[in-house]
Structures are given as structure tokens and as C-alpha cells.
């Protein structure tokens, strides 16, 4: 399940996508947290 990127946003459409992301997380059995290897783990990833 590919999901919307998680970030703070004021876009109503993107907010709906982020809400669906967390709904998908609640039903998942595994999670892959993708991180940009050029930046390592950021506070947002944490």
C-alpha cells in the first residue's frame, strides 16, 4: 500500500490523503518507513 507523504500541510486534499495514510497504517501487518539516505533520519522521520 503506497500512501500520501506525511507532513504538515494546509491543503485540504492532501490532509485527506494523510488521514487515509494513518488509516492504512492501522490495518497493516508490516511498515516500511522510507527515508532519504542523503539526509539520514530527520526529526520529521522520528
ModelCIF file with pLDDT and N, C-alpha, C, O atoms, coordinates in Angstrom:
data_MODEL
#
_entry.id   MODEL 
#
_entity.id                         1 
_entity.type                       polymer 
_entity.pdbx_number_of_molecules   1 
#
_entity_poly.entity_id                      1 
_entity_poly.type                           'polypeptide(L)' 
_entity_poly.nstd_linkage                   no 
_entity_poly.nstd_monomer                   no 
_entity_poly.pdbx_seq_one_letter_code       
;(UNK)(UNK)(UNK)(UNK)(UNK)(UNK)(UNK)(UNK)(UNK)(UNK)(UNK)(UNK)(UNK)(UNK)(UNK)(UNK)
(UNK)(UNK)(UNK)(UNK)(UNK)(UNK)(UNK)(UNK)(UNK)(UNK)(UNK)(UNK)(UNK)(UNK)(UNK)(UNK)
(UNK)(UNK)(UNK)(UNK)(UNK)(UNK)(UNK)(UNK)(UNK)(UNK)(UNK)(UNK)(UNK)(UNK)
;
_entity_poly.pdbx_seq_one_letter_code_can   XXXXXXXXXXXXXXXXXXXXXXXXXXXXXXXXXXXXXXXXXXXXXX 
_entity_poly.pdbx_strand_id                 A 
#
loop_
_entity_poly_seq.entity_id 
_entity_poly_seq.num 
_entity_poly_seq.mon_id 
_entity_poly_seq.hetero 
1 1  UNK n 
1 2  UNK n 
1 3  UNK n 
1 4  UNK n 
1 5  UNK n 
1 6  UNK n 
1 7  UNK n 
1 8  UNK n 
1 9  UNK n 
1 10 UNK n 
1 11 UNK n 
1 12 UNK n 
1 13 UNK n 
1 14 UNK n 
1 15 UNK n 
1 16 UNK n 
1 17 UNK n 
1 18 UNK n 
1 19 UNK n 
1 20 UNK n 
1 21 UNK n 
1 22 UNK n 
1 23 UNK n 
1 24 UNK n 
1 25 UNK n 
1 26 UNK n 
1 27 UNK n 
1 28 UNK n 
1 29 UNK n 
1 30 UNK n 
1 31 UNK n 
1 32 UNK n 
1 33 UNK n 
1 34 UNK n 
1 35 UNK n 
1 36 UNK n 
1 37 UNK n 
1 38 UNK n 
1 39 UNK n 
1 40 UNK n 
1 41 UNK n 
1 42 UNK n 
1 43 UNK n 
1 44 UNK n 
1 45 UNK n 
1 46 UNK n 
#
_struct_asym.id          A 
_struct_asym.entity_id   1 
#
loop_
_ma_qa_metric.id 
_ma_qa_metric.mode 
_ma_qa_metric.name 
_ma_qa_metric.software_group_id 
_ma_qa_metric.type 
1 global pLDDT . pLDDT 
2 local  pLDDT . pLDDT 
#
_ma_qa_metric_global.metric_id      1 
_ma_qa_metric_global.metric_value   77.96 
_ma_qa_metric_global.model_id       1 
_ma_qa_metric_global.ordinal_id     1 
#
loop_
_ma_qa_metric_local.label_asym_id 
_ma_qa_metric_local.label_comp_id 
_ma_qa_metric_local.label_seq_id 
_ma_qa_metric_local.metric_id 
_ma_qa_metric_local.metric_value 
_ma_qa_metric_local.model_id 
_ma_qa_metric_local.ordinal_id 
A UNK 1  2 84.00 1 1  
A UNK 2  2 81.00 1 2  
A UNK 3  2 75.00 1 3  
A UNK 4  2 69.00 1 4  
A UNK 5  2 65.00 1 5  
A UNK 6  2 66.00 1 6  
A UNK 7  2 61.00 1 7  
A UNK 8  2 62.00 1 8  
A UNK 9  2 59.00 1 9  
A UNK 10 2 60.00 1 10 
A UNK 11 2 66.00 1 11 
A UNK 12 2 65.00 1 12 
A UNK 13 2 64.00 1 13 
A UNK 14 2 62.00 1 14 
A UNK 15 2 66.00 1 15 
A UNK 16 2 70.00 1 16 
A UNK 17 2 71.00 1 17 
A UNK 18 2 71.00 1 18 
A UNK 19 2 74.00 1 19 
A UNK 20 2 76.00 1 20 
A UNK 21 2 75.00 1 21 
A UNK 22 2 71.00 1 22 
A UNK 23 2 78.00 1 23 
A UNK 24 2 78.00 1 24 
A UNK 25 2 81.00 1 25 
A UNK 26 2 79.00 1 26 
A UNK 27 2 83.00 1 27 
A UNK 28 2 83.00 1 28 
A UNK 29 2 87.00 1 29 
A UNK 30 2 91.00 1 30 
A UNK 31 2 89.00 1 31 
A UNK 32 2 90.00 1 32 
A UNK 33 2 91.00 1 33 
A UNK 34 2 91.00 1 34 
A UNK 35 2 91.00 1 35 
A UNK 36 2 91.00 1 36 
A UNK 37 2 91.00 1 37 
A UNK 38 2 90.00 1 38 
A UNK 39 2 85.00 1 39 
A UNK 40 2 81.00 1 40 
A UNK 41 2 87.00 1 41 
A UNK 42 2 87.00 1 42 
A UNK 43 2 88.00 1 43 
A UNK 44 2 87.00 1 44 
A UNK 45 2 85.00 1 45 
A UNK 46 2 89.00 1 46 
#
loop_
_atom_site.group_PDB 
_atom_site.id 
_atom_site.type_symbol 
_atom_site.label_atom_id 
_atom_site.label_alt_id 
_atom_site.label_comp_id 
_atom_site.label_asym_id 
_atom_site.label_entity_id 
_atom_site.label_seq_id 
_atom_site.pdbx_PDB_ins_code 
_atom_site.Cartn_x 
_atom_site.Cartn_y 
_atom_site.Cartn_z 
_atom_site.occupancy 
_atom_site.B_iso_or_equiv 
_atom_site.pdbx_formal_charge 
_atom_site.auth_seq_id 
_atom_site.auth_comp_id 
_atom_site.auth_asym_id 
_atom_site.auth_atom_id 
_atom_site.pdbx_PDB_model_num 
ATOM 1   N N  . UNK A 1 1  ? 0.850  -1.187 0.000  1.00 84.00 ? 1  UNK A N  1 
ATOM 2   C CA . UNK A 1 1  ? 0.000  0.000  0.000  1.00 84.00 ? 1  UNK A CA 1 
ATOM 3   C C  . UNK A 1 1  ? 0.889  1.241  0.000  1.00 84.00 ? 1  UNK A C  1 
ATOM 4   O O  . UNK A 1 1  ? 1.576  1.524  0.982  1.00 84.00 ? 1  UNK A O  1 
ATOM 5   N N  . UNK A 1 2  ? 0.869  1.974  -1.107 1.00 81.00 ? 2  UNK A N  1 
ATOM 6   C CA . UNK A 1 2  ? 1.578  3.247  -1.193 1.00 81.00 ? 2  UNK A CA 1 
ATOM 7   C C  . UNK A 1 2  ? 0.665  4.333  -0.629 1.00 81.00 ? 2  UNK A C  1 
ATOM 8   O O  . UNK A 1 2  ? -0.539 4.328  -0.885 1.00 81.00 ? 2  UNK A O  1 
ATOM 9   N N  . UNK A 1 3  ? 1.225  5.251  0.125  1.00 75.00 ? 3  UNK A N  1 
ATOM 10  C CA . UNK A 1 3  ? 0.407  6.246  0.807  1.00 75.00 ? 3  UNK A CA 1 
ATOM 11  C C  . UNK A 1 3  ? 0.917  7.656  0.536  1.00 75.00 ? 3  UNK A C  1 
ATOM 12  O O  . UNK A 1 3  ? 2.019  7.856  0.026  1.00 75.00 ? 3  UNK A O  1 
ATOM 13  N N  . UNK A 1 4  ? 0.085  8.620  0.891  1.00 69.00 ? 4  UNK A N  1 
ATOM 14  C CA . UNK A 1 4  ? 0.466  10.024 0.770  1.00 69.00 ? 4  UNK A CA 1 
ATOM 15  C C  . UNK A 1 4  ? 1.611  10.342 1.721  1.00 69.00 ? 4  UNK A C  1 
ATOM 16  O O  . UNK A 1 4  ? 1.696  9.781  2.814  1.00 69.00 ? 4  UNK A O  1 
ATOM 17  N N  . UNK A 1 5  ? 2.498  11.251 1.294  1.00 65.00 ? 5  UNK A N  1 
ATOM 18  C CA . UNK A 1 5  ? 3.601  11.670 2.146  1.00 65.00 ? 5  UNK A CA 1 
ATOM 19  C C  . UNK A 1 5  ? 3.097  12.366 3.401  1.00 65.00 ? 5  UNK A C  1 
ATOM 20  O O  . UNK A 1 5  ? 2.123  13.117 3.366  1.00 65.00 ? 5  UNK A O  1 
ATOM 21  N N  . UNK A 1 6  ? 3.782  12.101 4.513  1.00 66.00 ? 6  UNK A N  1 
ATOM 22  C CA . UNK A 1 6  ? 3.355  12.648 5.806  1.00 66.00 ? 6  UNK A CA 1 
ATOM 23  C C  . UNK A 1 6  ? 4.117  13.933 6.102  1.00 66.00 ? 6  UNK A C  1 
ATOM 24  O O  . UNK A 1 6  ? 5.343  13.946 6.218  1.00 66.00 ? 6  UNK A O  1 
ATOM 25  N N  . UNK A 1 7  ? 3.354  15.006 6.221  1.00 61.00 ? 7  UNK A N  1 
ATOM 26  C CA . UNK A 1 7  ? 3.943  16.300 6.553  1.00 61.00 ? 7  UNK A CA 1 
ATOM 27  C C  . UNK A 1 7  ? 2.833  17.238 7.013  1.00 61.00 ? 7  UNK A C  1 
ATOM 28  O O  . UNK A 1 7  ? 1.649  16.947 6.837  1.00 61.00 ? 7  UNK A O  1 
ATOM 29  N N  . UNK A 1 8  ? 3.220  18.352 7.596  1.00 62.00 ? 8  UNK A N  1 
ATOM 30  C CA . UNK A 1 8  ? 2.264  19.382 7.963  1.00 62.00 ? 8  UNK A CA 1 
ATOM 31  C C  . UNK A 1 8  ? 1.852  20.125 6.699  1.00 62.00 ? 8  UNK A C  1 
ATOM 32  O O  . UNK A 1 8  ? 2.704  20.574 5.932  1.00 62.00 ? 8  UNK A O  1 
ATOM 33  N N  . UNK A 1 9  ? 0.557  20.252 6.485  1.00 59.00 ? 9  UNK A N  1 
ATOM 34  C CA . UNK A 1 9  ? 0.076  20.910 5.272  1.00 59.00 ? 9  UNK A CA 1 
ATOM 35  C C  . UNK A 1 9  ? -1.267 21.572 5.534  1.00 59.00 ? 9  UNK A C  1 
ATOM 36  O O  . UNK A 1 9  ? -2.037 21.133 6.388  1.00 59.00 ? 9  UNK A O  1 
ATOM 37  N N  . UNK A 1 10 ? -1.535 22.642 4.780  1.00 60.00 ? 10 UNK A N  1 
ATOM 38  C CA . UNK A 1 10 ? -2.832 23.321 4.865  1.00 60.00 ? 10 UNK A CA 1 
ATOM 39  C C  . UNK A 1 10 ? -3.737 22.934 3.702  1.00 60.00 ? 10 UNK A C  1 
ATOM 40  O O  . UNK A 1 10 ? -4.889 23.363 3.639  1.00 60.00 ? 10 UNK A O  1 
ATOM 41  N N  . UNK A 1 11 ? -3.208 22.109 2.766  1.00 66.00 ? 11 UNK A N  1 
ATOM 42  C CA . UNK A 1 11 ? -4.002 21.669 1.606  1.00 66.00 ? 11 UNK A CA 1 
ATOM 43  C C  . UNK A 1 11 ? -5.044 20.643 2.065  1.00 66.00 ? 11 UNK A C  1 
ATOM 44  O O  . UNK A 1 11 ? -4.695 19.600 2.617  1.00 66.00 ? 11 UNK A O  1 
ATOM 45  N N  . UNK A 1 12 ? -6.313 20.947 1.834  1.00 65.00 ? 12 UNK A N  1 
ATOM 46  C CA . UNK A 1 12 ? -7.387 20.083 2.307  1.00 65.00 ? 12 UNK A CA 1 
ATOM 47  C C  . UNK A 1 12 ? -7.322 18.700 1.666  1.00 65.00 ? 12 UNK A C  1 
ATOM 48  O O  . UNK A 1 12 ? -7.531 17.689 2.336  1.00 65.00 ? 12 UNK A O  1 
ATOM 49  N N  . UNK A 1 13 ? -7.031 18.659 0.355  1.00 64.00 ? 13 UNK A N  1 
ATOM 50  C CA . UNK A 1 13 ? -6.952 17.375 -0.349 1.00 64.00 ? 13 UNK A CA 1 
ATOM 51  C C  . UNK A 1 13 ? -5.809 16.534 0.209  1.00 64.00 ? 13 UNK A C  1 
ATOM 52  O O  . UNK A 1 13 ? -5.972 15.335 0.435  1.00 64.00 ? 13 UNK A O  1 
ATOM 53  N N  . UNK A 1 14 ? -4.652 17.160 0.432  1.00 62.00 ? 14 UNK A N  1 
ATOM 54  C CA . UNK A 1 14 ? -3.503 16.425 0.958  1.00 62.00 ? 14 UNK A CA 1 
ATOM 55  C C  . UNK A 1 14 ? -3.771 15.957 2.387  1.00 62.00 ? 14 UNK A C  1 
ATOM 56  O O  . UNK A 1 14 ? -3.316 14.882 2.776  1.00 62.00 ? 14 UNK A O  1 
ATOM 57  N N  . UNK A 1 15 ? -4.490 16.735 3.161  1.00 66.00 ? 15 UNK A N  1 
ATOM 58  C CA . UNK A 1 15 ? -4.845 16.338 4.523  1.00 66.00 ? 15 UNK A CA 1 
ATOM 59  C C  . UNK A 1 15 ? -5.704 15.077 4.526  1.00 66.00 ? 15 UNK A C  1 
ATOM 60  O O  . UNK A 1 15 ? -5.542 14.204 5.378  1.00 66.00 ? 15 UNK A O  1 
ATOM 61  N N  . UNK A 1 16 ? -6.624 14.993 3.557  1.00 70.00 ? 16 UNK A N  1 
ATOM 62  C CA . UNK A 1 16 ? -7.447 13.787 3.450  1.00 70.00 ? 16 UNK A CA 1 
ATOM 63  C C  . UNK A 1 16 ? -6.567 12.577 3.128  1.00 70.00 ? 16 UNK A C  1 
ATOM 64  O O  . UNK A 1 16 ? -6.745 11.497 3.690  1.00 70.00 ? 16 UNK A O  1 
ATOM 65  N N  . UNK A 1 17 ? -5.602 12.782 2.201  1.00 71.00 ? 17 UNK A N  1 
ATOM 66  C CA . UNK A 1 17 ? -4.684 11.694 1.865  1.00 71.00 ? 17 UNK A CA 1 
ATOM 67  C C  . UNK A 1 17 ? -3.859 11.247 3.052  1.00 71.00 ? 17 UNK A C  1 
ATOM 68  O O  . UNK A 1 17 ? -3.624 10.052 3.231  1.00 71.00 ? 17 UNK A O  1 
ATOM 69  N N  . UNK A 1 18 ? -3.411 12.204 3.874  1.00 71.00 ? 18 UNK A N  1 
ATOM 70  C CA . UNK A 1 18 ? -2.617 11.861 5.060  1.00 71.00 ? 18 UNK A CA 1 
ATOM 71  C C  . UNK A 1 18 ? -3.470 11.098 6.072  1.00 71.00 ? 18 UNK A C  1 
ATOM 72  O O  . UNK A 1 18 ? -2.990 10.158 6.704  1.00 71.00 ? 18 UNK A O  1 
ATOM 73  N N  . UNK A 1 19 ? -4.730 11.497 6.226  1.00 74.00 ? 19 UNK A N  1 
ATOM 74  C CA . UNK A 1 19 ? -5.630 10.768 7.130  1.00 74.00 ? 19 UNK A CA 1 
ATOM 75  C C  . UNK A 1 19 ? -5.810 9.327  6.665  1.00 74.00 ? 19 UNK A C  1 
ATOM 76  O O  . UNK A 1 19 ? -5.868 8.409  7.483  1.00 74.00 ? 19 UNK A O  1 
ATOM 77  N N  . UNK A 1 20 ? -5.897 9.133  5.351  1.00 76.00 ? 20 UNK A N  1 
ATOM 78  C CA . UNK A 1 20 ? -6.030 7.767  4.818  1.00 76.00 ? 20 UNK A CA 1 
ATOM 79  C C  . UNK A 1 20 ? -4.739 6.976  5.012  1.00 76.00 ? 20 UNK A C  1 
ATOM 80  O O  . UNK A 1 20 ? -4.768 5.756  5.173  1.00 76.00 ? 20 UNK A O  1 
ATOM 81  N N  . UNK A 1 21 ? -3.604 7.680  4.995  1.00 75.00 ? 21 UNK A N  1 
ATOM 82  C CA . UNK A 1 21 ? -2.338 7.006  5.268  1.00 75.00 ? 21 UNK A CA 1 
ATOM 83  C C  . UNK A 1 21 ? -2.350 6.380  6.659  1.00 75.00 ? 21 UNK A C  1 
ATOM 84  O O  . UNK A 1 21 ? -1.990 5.214  6.821  1.00 75.00 ? 21 UNK A O  1 
ATOM 85  N N  . UNK A 1 22 ? -2.768 7.161  7.671  1.00 71.00 ? 22 UNK A N  1 
ATOM 86  C CA . UNK A 1 22 ? -2.792 6.641  9.033  1.00 71.00 ? 22 UNK A CA 1 
ATOM 87  C C  . UNK A 1 22 ? -3.842 5.549  9.198  1.00 71.00 ? 22 UNK A C  1 
ATOM 88  O O  . UNK A 1 22 ? -3.668 4.638  10.007 1.00 71.00 ? 22 UNK A O  1 
ATOM 89  N N  . UNK A 1 23 ? -4.928 5.636  8.437  1.00 78.00 ? 23 UNK A N  1 
ATOM 90  C CA . UNK A 1 23 ? -5.927 4.555  8.473  1.00 78.00 ? 23 UNK A CA 1 
ATOM 91  C C  . UNK A 1 23 ? -5.323 3.268  7.924  1.00 78.00 ? 23 UNK A C  1 
ATOM 92  O O  . UNK A 1 23 ? -5.576 2.187  8.456  1.00 78.00 ? 23 UNK A O  1 
ATOM 93  N N  . UNK A 1 24 ? -4.512 3.381  6.843  1.00 78.00 ? 24 UNK A N  1 
ATOM 94  C CA . UNK A 1 24 ? -3.855 2.194  6.281  1.00 78.00 ? 24 UNK A CA 1 
ATOM 95  C C  . UNK A 1 24 ? -2.829 1.629  7.248  1.00 78.00 ? 24 UNK A C  1 
ATOM 96  O O  . UNK A 1 24 ? -2.664 0.413  7.336  1.00 78.00 ? 24 UNK A O  1 
ATOM 97  N N  . UNK A 1 25 ? -2.141 2.494  7.972  1.00 81.00 ? 25 UNK A N  1 
ATOM 98  C CA . UNK A 1 25 ? -1.166 2.041  8.967  1.00 81.00 ? 25 UNK A CA 1 
ATOM 99  C C  . UNK A 1 25 ? -1.853 1.202  10.044 1.00 81.00 ? 25 UNK A C  1 
ATOM 100 O O  . UNK A 1 25 ? -1.313 0.197  10.504 1.00 81.00 ? 25 UNK A O  1 
ATOM 101 N N  . UNK A 1 26 ? -3.052 1.632  10.436 1.00 79.00 ? 26 UNK A N  1 
ATOM 102 C CA . UNK A 1 26 ? -3.777 0.908  11.471 1.00 79.00 ? 26 UNK A CA 1 
ATOM 103 C C  . UNK A 1 26 ? -4.185 -0.493 11.078 1.00 79.00 ? 26 UNK A C  1 
ATOM 104 O O  . UNK A 1 26 ? -4.443 -1.322 11.950 1.00 79.00 ? 26 UNK A O  1 
ATOM 105 N N  . UNK A 1 27 ? -4.252 -0.783 9.783  1.00 83.00 ? 27 UNK A N  1 
ATOM 106 C CA . UNK A 1 27 ? -4.655 -2.108 9.307  1.00 83.00 ? 27 UNK A CA 1 
ATOM 107 C C  . UNK A 1 27 ? -3.475 -2.950 8.827  1.00 83.00 ? 27 UNK A C  1 
ATOM 108 O O  . UNK A 1 27 ? -3.657 -4.107 8.446  1.00 83.00 ? 27 UNK A O  1 
ATOM 109 N N  . UNK A 1 28 ? -2.281 -2.389 8.840  1.00 83.00 ? 28 UNK A N  1 
ATOM 110 C CA . UNK A 1 28 ? -1.124 -3.072 8.265  1.00 83.00 ? 28 UNK A CA 1 
ATOM 111 C C  . UNK A 1 28 ? -0.536 -4.098 9.219  1.00 83.00 ? 28 UNK A C  1 
ATOM 112 O O  . UNK A 1 28 ? -0.718 -4.015 10.434 1.00 83.00 ? 28 UNK A O  1 
ATOM 113 N N  . UNK A 1 29 ? 0.175  -5.070 8.647  1.00 87.00 ? 29 UNK A N  1 
ATOM 114 C CA . UNK A 1 29 ? 0.920  -6.042 9.450  1.00 87.00 ? 29 UNK A CA 1 
ATOM 115 C C  . UNK A 1 29 ? 2.421  -5.748 9.428  1.00 87.00 ? 29 UNK A C  1 
ATOM 116 O O  . UNK A 1 29 ? 3.164  -6.245 10.275 1.00 87.00 ? 29 UNK A O  1 
ATOM 117 N N  . UNK A 1 30 ? 2.868  -4.943 8.463  1.00 91.00 ? 30 UNK A N  1 
ATOM 118 C CA . UNK A 1 30 ? 4.265  -4.521 8.354  1.00 91.00 ? 30 UNK A CA 1 
ATOM 119 C C  . UNK A 1 30 ? 4.291  -3.079 7.856  1.00 91.00 ? 30 UNK A C  1 
ATOM 120 O O  . UNK A 1 30 ? 3.369  -2.633 7.173  1.00 91.00 ? 30 UNK A O  1 
ATOM 121 N N  . UNK A 1 31 ? 5.344  -2.362 8.201  1.00 89.00 ? 31 UNK A N  1 
ATOM 122 C CA . UNK A 1 31 ? 5.503  -0.996 7.700  1.00 89.00 ? 31 UNK A CA 1 
ATOM 123 C C  . UNK A 1 31 ? 6.925  -0.808 7.184  1.00 89.00 ? 31 UNK A C  1 
ATOM 124 O O  . UNK A 1 31 ? 7.889  -1.246 7.813  1.00 89.00 ? 31 UNK A O  1 
ATOM 125 N N  . UNK A 1 32 ? 7.042  -0.155 6.038  1.00 90.00 ? 32 UNK A N  1 
ATOM 126 C CA . UNK A 1 32 ? 8.336  0.268  5.515  1.00 90.00 ? 32 UNK A CA 1 
ATOM 127 C C  . UNK A 1 32 ? 8.392  1.785  5.626  1.00 90.00 ? 32 UNK A C  1 
ATOM 128 O O  . UNK A 1 32 ? 7.634  2.484  4.954  1.00 90.00 ? 32 UNK A O  1 
ATOM 129 N N  . UNK A 1 33 ? 9.284  2.299  6.469  1.00 91.00 ? 33 UNK A N  1 
ATOM 130 C CA . UNK A 1 33 ? 9.472  3.735  6.607  1.00 91.00 ? 33 UNK A CA 1 
ATOM 131 C C  . UNK A 1 33 ? 10.580 4.150  5.649  1.00 91.00 ? 33 UNK A C  1 
ATOM 132 O O  . UNK A 1 33 ? 11.747 3.823  5.862  1.00 91.00 ? 33 UNK A O  1 
ATOM 133 N N  . UNK A 1 34 ? 10.210 4.872  4.595  1.00 91.00 ? 34 UNK A N  1 
ATOM 134 C CA . UNK A 1 34 ? 11.198 5.301  3.618  1.00 91.00 ? 34 UNK A CA 1 
ATOM 135 C C  . UNK A 1 34 ? 11.841 6.610  4.056  1.00 91.00 ? 34 UNK A C  1 
ATOM 136 O O  . UNK A 1 34 ? 11.173 7.542  4.504  1.00 91.00 ? 34 UNK A O  1 
ATOM 137 N N  . UNK A 1 35 ? 13.169 6.646  3.910  1.00 91.00 ? 35 UNK A N  1 
ATOM 138 C CA . UNK A 1 35 ? 13.965 7.786  4.357  1.00 91.00 ? 35 UNK A CA 1 
ATOM 139 C C  . UNK A 1 35 ? 14.939 8.145  3.240  1.00 91.00 ? 35 UNK A C  1 
ATOM 140 O O  . UNK A 1 35 ? 15.511 7.262  2.600  1.00 91.00 ? 35 UNK A O  1 
ATOM 141 N N  . UNK A 1 36 ? 15.121 9.420  3.012  1.00 91.00 ? 36 UNK A N  1 
ATOM 142 C CA . UNK A 1 36 ? 16.107 9.878  2.031  1.00 91.00 ? 36 UNK A CA 1 
ATOM 143 C C  . UNK A 1 36 ? 17.496 9.658  2.617  1.00 91.00 ? 36 UNK A C  1 
ATOM 144 O O  . UNK A 1 36 ? 17.865 10.296 3.602  1.00 91.00 ? 36 UNK A O  1 
ATOM 145 N N  . UNK A 1 37 ? 18.268 8.753  2.011  1.00 91.00 ? 37 UNK A N  1 
ATOM 146 C CA . UNK A 1 37 ? 19.569 8.391  2.579  1.00 91.00 ? 37 UNK A CA 1 
ATOM 147 C C  . UNK A 1 37 ? 20.556 9.552  2.572  1.00 91.00 ? 37 UNK A C  1 
ATOM 148 O O  . UNK A 1 37 ? 21.568 9.503  3.271  1.00 91.00 ? 37 UNK A O  1 
ATOM 149 N N  . UNK A 1 38 ? 20.279 10.591 1.795  1.00 90.00 ? 38 UNK A N  1 
ATOM 150 C CA . UNK A 1 38 ? 21.175 11.750 1.772  1.00 90.00 ? 38 UNK A CA 1 
ATOM 151 C C  . UNK A 1 38 ? 21.038 12.585 3.041  1.00 90.00 ? 38 UNK A C  1 
ATOM 152 O O  . UNK A 1 38 ? 21.953 13.325 3.404  1.00 90.00 ? 38 UNK A O  1 
ATOM 153 N N  . UNK A 1 39 ? 19.892 12.465 3.713  1.00 85.00 ? 39 UNK A N  1 
ATOM 154 C CA . UNK A 1 39 ? 19.649 13.294 4.892  1.00 85.00 ? 39 UNK A CA 1 
ATOM 155 C C  . UNK A 1 39 ? 19.633 12.490 6.189  1.00 85.00 ? 39 UNK A C  1 
ATOM 156 O O  . UNK A 1 39 ? 19.540 13.065 7.274  1.00 85.00 ? 39 UNK A O  1 
ATOM 157 N N  . UNK A 1 40 ? 19.724 11.159 6.083  1.00 81.00 ? 40 UNK A N  1 
ATOM 158 C CA . UNK A 1 40 ? 19.612 10.287 7.266  1.00 81.00 ? 40 UNK A CA 1 
ATOM 159 C C  . UNK A 1 40 ? 18.265 10.525 7.939  1.00 81.00 ? 40 UNK A C  1 
ATOM 160 O O  . UNK A 1 40 ? 17.335 11.019 7.302  1.00 81.00 ? 40 UNK A O  1 
ATOM 161 N N  . UNK A 1 41 ? 18.151 10.181 9.213  1.00 87.00 ? 41 UNK A N  1 
ATOM 162 C CA . UNK A 1 41 ? 16.872 10.328 9.910  1.00 87.00 ? 41 UNK A CA 1 
ATOM 163 C C  . UNK A 1 41 ? 16.715 11.758 10.401 1.00 87.00 ? 41 UNK A C  1 
ATOM 164 O O  . UNK A 1 41 ? 17.552 12.277 11.141 1.00 87.00 ? 41 UNK A O  1 
ATOM 165 N N  . UNK A 1 42 ? 15.633 12.379 9.977  1.00 87.00 ? 42 UNK A N  1 
ATOM 166 C CA . UNK A 1 42 ? 15.341 13.754 10.367 1.00 87.00 ? 42 UNK A CA 1 
ATOM 167 C C  . UNK A 1 42 ? 14.358 13.767 11.537 1.00 87.00 ? 42 UNK A C  1 
ATOM 168 O O  . UNK A 1 42 ? 13.769 12.731 11.846 1.00 87.00 ? 42 UNK A O  1 
ATOM 169 N N  . UNK A 1 43 ? 14.168 14.901 12.190 1.00 88.00 ? 43 UNK A N  1 
ATOM 170 C CA . UNK A 1 43 ? 13.146 14.993 13.243 1.00 88.00 ? 43 UNK A CA 1 
ATOM 171 C C  . UNK A 1 43 ? 11.755 14.616 12.741 1.00 88.00 ? 43 UNK A C  1 
ATOM 172 O O  . UNK A 1 43 ? 10.949 14.065 13.491 1.00 88.00 ? 43 UNK A O  1 
ATOM 173 N N  . UNK A 1 44 ? 11.477 14.913 11.468 1.00 87.00 ? 44 UNK A N  1 
ATOM 174 C CA . UNK A 1 44 ? 10.168 14.537 10.903 1.00 87.00 ? 44 UNK A CA 1 
ATOM 175 C C  . UNK A 1 44 ? 10.040 13.013 10.811 1.00 87.00 ? 44 UNK A C  1 
ATOM 176 O O  . UNK A 1 44 ? 8.969  12.464 11.067 1.00 87.00 ? 44 UNK A O  1 
ATOM 177 N N  . UNK A 1 45 ? 11.138 12.327 10.445 1.00 85.00 ? 45 UNK A N  1 
ATOM 178 C CA . UNK A 1 45 ? 11.111 10.859 10.412 1.00 85.00 ? 45 UNK A CA 1 
ATOM 179 C C  . UNK A 1 45 ? 10.922 10.285 11.813 1.00 85.00 ? 45 UNK A C  1 
ATOM 180 O O  . UNK A 1 45 ? 10.182 9.320  12.007 1.00 85.00 ? 45 UNK A O  1 
ATOM 181 N N  . UNK A 1 46 ? 11.599 10.889 12.784 1.00 89.00 ? 46 UNK A N  1 
ATOM 182 C CA . UNK A 1 46 ? 11.453 10.440 14.167 1.00 89.00 ? 46 UNK A CA 1 
ATOM 183 C C  . UNK A 1 46 ? 10.013 10.607 14.642 1.00 89.00 ? 46 UNK A C  1 
ATOM 184 O O  . UNK A 1 46 ? 9.699  10.280 15.787 1.00 89.00 ? 46 UNK A O  1 
#
